[in-house]
Amino acid sequence: MASLVTDTALLKSQEVMEVALVADNPGNWVFHCHVIEHQKSGLSGYLRVE
């Protein structure tokens, strides 16, 4: 299977994915769900790169 480069992934309930990235820009990197109700229940946050 060919690798796919994207910044968005659609996941079903209980589905997981592995993410590989190069953290080459210091600061806060946000991750979130695009469903606002999910964001309100905690599906958002950030990674801190120093």
PDB file of N, CA and C in Angstrom:
ATOM      1  N   MET A   1       0.845  -1.184   0.000  1.00  0.00           N
ATOM      2  CA  MET A   1       0.000   0.000   0.000  1.00  0.00           C
ATOM      3  C   MET A   1       0.889   1.247   0.000  1.00  0.00           C
ATOM      4  N   ALA A   2       0.572   2.183  -0.826  1.00  0.00           N
ATOM      5  CA  ALA A   2       1.328   3.436  -0.902  1.00  0.00           C
ATOM      6  C   ALA A   2       1.027   4.292   0.313  1.00  0.00           C
ATOM      7  N   SER A   3       2.005   5.071   0.767  1.00  0.00           N
ATOM      8  CA  SER A   3       1.753   5.963   1.898  1.00  0.00           C
ATOM      9  C   SER A   3       0.979   7.182   1.429  1.00  0.00           C
ATOM     10  N   LEU A   4       0.175   7.689   2.305  1.00  0.00           N
ATOM     11  CA  LEU A   4      -0.689   8.820   2.004  1.00  0.00           C
ATOM     12  C   LEU A   4      -0.295   9.982   2.908  1.00  0.00           C
ATOM     13  N   VAL A   5      -0.056  11.138   2.332  1.00  0.00           N
ATOM     14  CA  VAL A   5       0.271  12.330   3.108  1.00  0.00           C
ATOM     15  C   VAL A   5      -0.969  13.215   3.134  1.00  0.00           C
ATOM     16  N   THR A   6      -1.444  13.502   4.345  1.00  0.00           N
ATOM     17  CA  THR A   6      -2.631  14.331   4.508  1.00  0.00           C
ATOM     18  C   THR A   6      -2.581  15.021   5.864  1.00  0.00           C
ATOM     19  N   ASP A   7      -3.386  16.045   6.047  1.00  0.00           N
ATOM     20  CA  ASP A   7      -3.461  16.692   7.357  1.00  0.00           C
ATOM     21  C   ASP A   7      -4.834  16.489   7.987  1.00  0.00           C
ATOM     22  N   THR A   8      -5.671  15.659   7.373  1.00  0.00           N
ATOM     23  CA  THR A   8      -7.009  15.376   7.881  1.00  0.00           C
ATOM     24  C   THR A   8      -7.281  13.888   7.745  1.00  0.00           C
ATOM     25  N   ALA A   9      -7.903  13.310   8.760  1.00  0.00           N
ATOM     26  CA  ALA A   9      -8.265  11.891   8.713  1.00  0.00           C
ATOM     27  C   ALA A   9      -9.676  11.719   9.247  1.00  0.00           C
ATOM     28  N   LEU A  10     -10.467  10.919   8.565  1.00  0.00           N
ATOM     29  CA  LEU A  10     -11.815  10.605   9.026  1.00  0.00           C
ATOM     30  C   LEU A  10     -11.773   9.247   9.709  1.00  0.00           C
ATOM     31  N   LEU A  11     -12.143   9.204  10.986  1.00  0.00           N
ATOM     32  CA  LEU A  11     -12.111   7.964  11.755  1.00  0.00           C
ATOM     33  C   LEU A  11     -13.508   7.620  12.246  1.00  0.00           C
ATOM     34  N   LYS A  12     -13.821   6.338  12.231  1.00  0.00           N
ATOM     35  CA  LYS A  12     -15.088   5.859  12.779  1.00  0.00           C
ATOM     36  C   LYS A  12     -14.941   5.681  14.281  1.00  0.00           C
ATOM     37  N   SER A  13     -16.049   5.497  14.970  1.00  0.00           N
ATOM     38  CA  SER A  13     -16.045   5.264  16.406  1.00  0.00           C
ATOM     39  C   SER A  13     -15.121   4.092  16.748  1.00  0.00           C
ATOM     40  N   GLN A  14     -14.273   4.272  17.727  1.00  0.00           N
ATOM     41  CA  GLN A  14     -13.317   3.267  18.215  1.00  0.00           C
ATOM     42  C   GLN A  14     -12.171   2.983  17.243  1.00  0.00           C
ATOM     43  N   GLU A  15     -12.095   3.682  16.132  1.00  0.00           N
ATOM     44  CA  GLU A  15     -11.010   3.495  15.171  1.00  0.00           C
ATOM     45  C   GLU A  15      -9.805   4.317  15.614  1.00  0.00           C
ATOM     46  N   VAL A  16      -8.622   3.804  15.369  1.00  0.00           N
ATOM     47  CA  VAL A  16      -7.392   4.507  15.736  1.00  0.00           C
ATOM     48  C   VAL A  16      -6.496   4.613  14.502  1.00  0.00           C
ATOM     49  N   MET A  17      -5.550   5.514  14.576  1.00  0.00           N
ATOM     50  CA  MET A  17      -4.556   5.621  13.511  1.00  0.00           C
ATOM     51  C   MET A  17      -3.228   6.025  14.118  1.00  0.00           C
ATOM     52  N   GLU A  18      -2.173   5.671  13.443  1.00  0.00           N
ATOM     53  CA  GLU A  18      -0.830   6.039  13.850  1.00  0.00           C
ATOM     54  C   GLU A  18      -0.406   7.233  13.000  1.00  0.00           C
ATOM     55  N   VAL A  19       0.230   8.203  13.638  1.00  0.00           N
ATOM     56  CA  VAL A  19       0.619   9.421  12.942  1.00  0.00           C
ATOM     57  C   VAL A  19       2.130   9.594  13.030  1.00  0.00           C
ATOM     58  N   ALA A  20       2.754   9.864  11.900  1.00  0.00           N
ATOM     59  CA  ALA A  20       4.183  10.171  11.860  1.00  0.00           C
ATOM     60  C   ALA A  20       4.321  11.624  11.423  1.00  0.00           C
ATOM     61  N   LEU A  21       5.147  12.370  12.125  1.00  0.00           N
ATOM     62  CA  LEU A  21       5.350  13.764  11.755  1.00  0.00           C
ATOM     63  C   LEU A  21       6.749  14.203  12.139  1.00  0.00           C
ATOM     64  N   VAL A  22       7.189  15.258  11.508  1.00  0.00           N
ATOM     65  CA  VAL A  22       8.461  15.887  11.847  1.00  0.00           C
ATOM     66  C   VAL A  22       8.117  17.163  12.592  1.00  0.00           C
ATOM     67  N   ALA A  23       8.424  17.196  13.877  1.00  0.00           N
ATOM     68  CA  ALA A  23       8.111  18.354  14.716  1.00  0.00           C
ATOM     69  C   ALA A  23       9.262  19.353  14.612  1.00  0.00           C
ATOM     70  N   ASP A  24       9.287  20.103  13.518  1.00  0.00           N
ATOM     71  CA  ASP A  24      10.415  20.980  13.228  1.00  0.00           C
ATOM     72  C   ASP A  24      10.103  22.466  13.395  1.00  0.00           C
ATOM     73  N   ASN A  25       8.999  22.774  14.031  1.00  0.00           N
ATOM     74  CA  ASN A  25       8.611  24.168  14.222  1.00  0.00           C
ATOM     75  C   ASN A  25       8.174  24.354  15.670  1.00  0.00           C
ATOM     76  N   PRO A  26       8.994  24.976  16.522  1.00  0.00           N
ATOM     77  CA  PRO A  26       8.656  25.122  17.935  1.00  0.00           C
ATOM     78  C   PRO A  26       7.332  25.847  18.148  1.00  0.00           C
ATOM     79  N   GLY A  27       6.657  25.456  19.206  1.00  0.00           N
ATOM     80  CA  GLY A  27       5.401  26.094  19.569  1.00  0.00           C
ATOM     81  C   GLY A  27       4.319  25.057  19.816  1.00  0.00           C
ATOM     82  N   ASN A  28       3.082  25.520  19.874  1.00  0.00           N
ATOM     83  CA  ASN A  28       1.944  24.640  20.099  1.00  0.00           C
ATOM     84  C   ASN A  28       1.371  24.164  18.770  1.00  0.00           C
ATOM     85  N   TRP A  29       1.198  22.858  18.628  1.00  0.00           N
ATOM     86  CA  TRP A  29       0.605  22.252  17.444  1.00  0.00           C
ATOM     87  C   TRP A  29      -0.758  21.728  17.855  1.00  0.00           C
ATOM     88  N   VAL A  30      -1.795  22.252  17.261  1.00  0.00           N
ATOM     89  CA  VAL A  30      -3.157  21.893  17.642  1.00  0.00           C
ATOM     90  C   VAL A  30      -3.623  20.624  16.930  1.00  0.00           C
ATOM     91  N   PHE A  31      -4.432  19.837  17.630  1.00  0.00           N
ATOM     92  CA  PHE A  31      -5.161  18.753  16.984  1.00  0.00           C
ATOM     93  C   PHE A  31      -6.592  18.833  17.478  1.00  0.00           C
ATOM     94  N   HIS A  32      -7.538  18.499  16.617  1.00  0.00           N
ATOM     95  CA  HIS A  32      -8.943  18.621  17.000  1.00  0.00           C
ATOM     96  C   HIS A  32      -9.833  17.833  16.060  1.00  0.00           C
ATOM     97  N   CYS A  33     -11.043  17.605  16.514  1.00  0.00           N
ATOM     98  CA  CYS A  33     -12.081  16.991  15.693  1.00  0.00           C
ATOM     99  C   CYS A  33     -12.873  18.115  15.034  1.00  0.00           C
ATOM    100  N   HIS A  34     -13.332  17.895  13.810  1.00  0.00           N
ATOM    101  CA  HIS A  34     -14.090  18.927  13.110  1.00  0.00           C
ATOM    102  C   HIS A  34     -15.570  18.922  13.473  1.00  0.00           C
ATOM    103  N   VAL A  35     -15.989  17.998  14.329  1.00  0.00           N
ATOM    104  CA  VAL A  35     -17.375  17.973  14.806  1.00  0.00           C
ATOM    105  C   VAL A  35     -17.400  18.754  16.117  1.00  0.00           C
ATOM    106  N   ILE A  36     -18.075  19.905  16.130  1.00  0.00           N
ATOM    107  CA  ILE A  36     -18.009  20.819  17.275  1.00  0.00           C
ATOM    108  C   ILE A  36     -18.450  20.153  18.577  1.00  0.00           C
ATOM    109  N   GLU A  37     -19.438  19.269  18.521  1.00  0.00           N
ATOM    110  CA  GLU A  37     -19.875  18.578  19.733  1.00  0.00           C
ATOM    111  C   GLU A  37     -18.752  17.711  20.304  1.00  0.00           C
ATOM    112  N   HIS A  38     -17.930  17.143  19.434  1.00  0.00           N
ATOM    113  CA  HIS A  38     -16.803  16.333  19.888  1.00  0.00           C
ATOM    114  C   HIS A  38     -15.726  17.213  20.516  1.00  0.00           C
ATOM    115  N   GLN A  39     -15.487  18.385  19.951  1.00  0.00           N
ATOM    116  CA  GLN A  39     -14.502  19.307  20.534  1.00  0.00           C
ATOM    117  C   GLN A  39     -14.920  19.688  21.949  1.00  0.00           C
ATOM    118  N   LYS A  40     -16.199  19.932  22.136  1.00  0.00           N
ATOM    119  CA  LYS A  40     -16.698  20.328  23.451  1.00  0.00           C
ATOM    120  C   LYS A  40     -16.497  19.229  24.492  1.00  0.00           C
ATOM    121  N   SER A  41     -16.470  17.968  24.041  1.00  0.00           N
ATOM    122  CA  SER A  41     -16.317  16.856  24.981  1.00  0.00           C
ATOM    123  C   SER A  41     -14.863  16.395  25.101  1.00  0.00           C
ATOM    124  N   GLY A  42     -13.929  17.135  24.516  1.00  0.00           N
ATOM    125  CA  GLY A  42     -12.525  16.864  24.749  1.00  0.00           C
ATOM    126  C   GLY A  42     -11.709  16.376  23.571  1.00  0.00           C
ATOM    127  N   LEU A  43     -12.270  16.264  22.399  1.00  0.00           N
ATOM    128  CA  LEU A  43     -11.504  15.817  21.245  1.00  0.00           C
ATOM    129  C   LEU A  43     -10.751  16.982  20.593  1.00  0.00           C
ATOM    130  N   SER A  44      -9.944  17.640  21.392  1.00  0.00           N
ATOM    131  CA  SER A  44      -9.083  18.705  20.903  1.00  0.00           C
ATOM    132  C   SER A  44      -7.962  18.893  21.914  1.00  0.00           C
ATOM    133  N   GLY A  45      -6.883  19.448  21.463  1.00  0.00           N
ATOM    134  CA  GLY A  45      -5.754  19.681  22.346  1.00  0.00           C
ATOM    135  C   GLY A  45      -4.576  20.195  21.543  1.00  0.00           C
ATOM    136  N   TYR A  46      -3.404  20.134  22.138  1.00  0.00           N
ATOM    137  CA  TYR A  46      -2.222  20.567  21.417  1.00  0.00           C
ATOM    138  C   TYR A  46      -0.986  19.804  21.894  1.00  0.00           C
ATOM    139  N   LEU A  47      -0.007  19.758  21.030  1.00  0.00           N
ATOM    140  CA  LEU A  47       1.300  19.215  21.347  1.00  0.00           C
ATOM    141  C   LEU A  47       2.246  20.395  21.462  1.00  0.00           C
ATOM    142  N   ARG A  48       3.075  20.410  22.468  1.00  0.00           N
ATOM    143  CA  ARG A  48       4.051  21.492  22.644  1.00  0.00           C
ATOM    144  C   ARG A  48       5.406  21.038  22.133  1.00  0.00           C
ATOM    145  N   VAL A  49       5.955  21.736  21.141  1.00  0.00           N
ATOM    146  CA  VAL A  49       7.277  21.433  20.592  1.00  0.00           C
ATOM    147  C   VAL A  49       8.226  22.522  21.055  1.00  0.00           C
ATOM    148  N   GLU A  50       9.297  22.110  21.704  1.00  0.00           N
ATOM    149  CA  GLU A  50      10.268  23.094  22.213  1.00  0.00           C
ATOM    150  C   GLU A  50      11.598  22.957  21.543  1.00  0.00           C
TER     151      GLU A  50
END
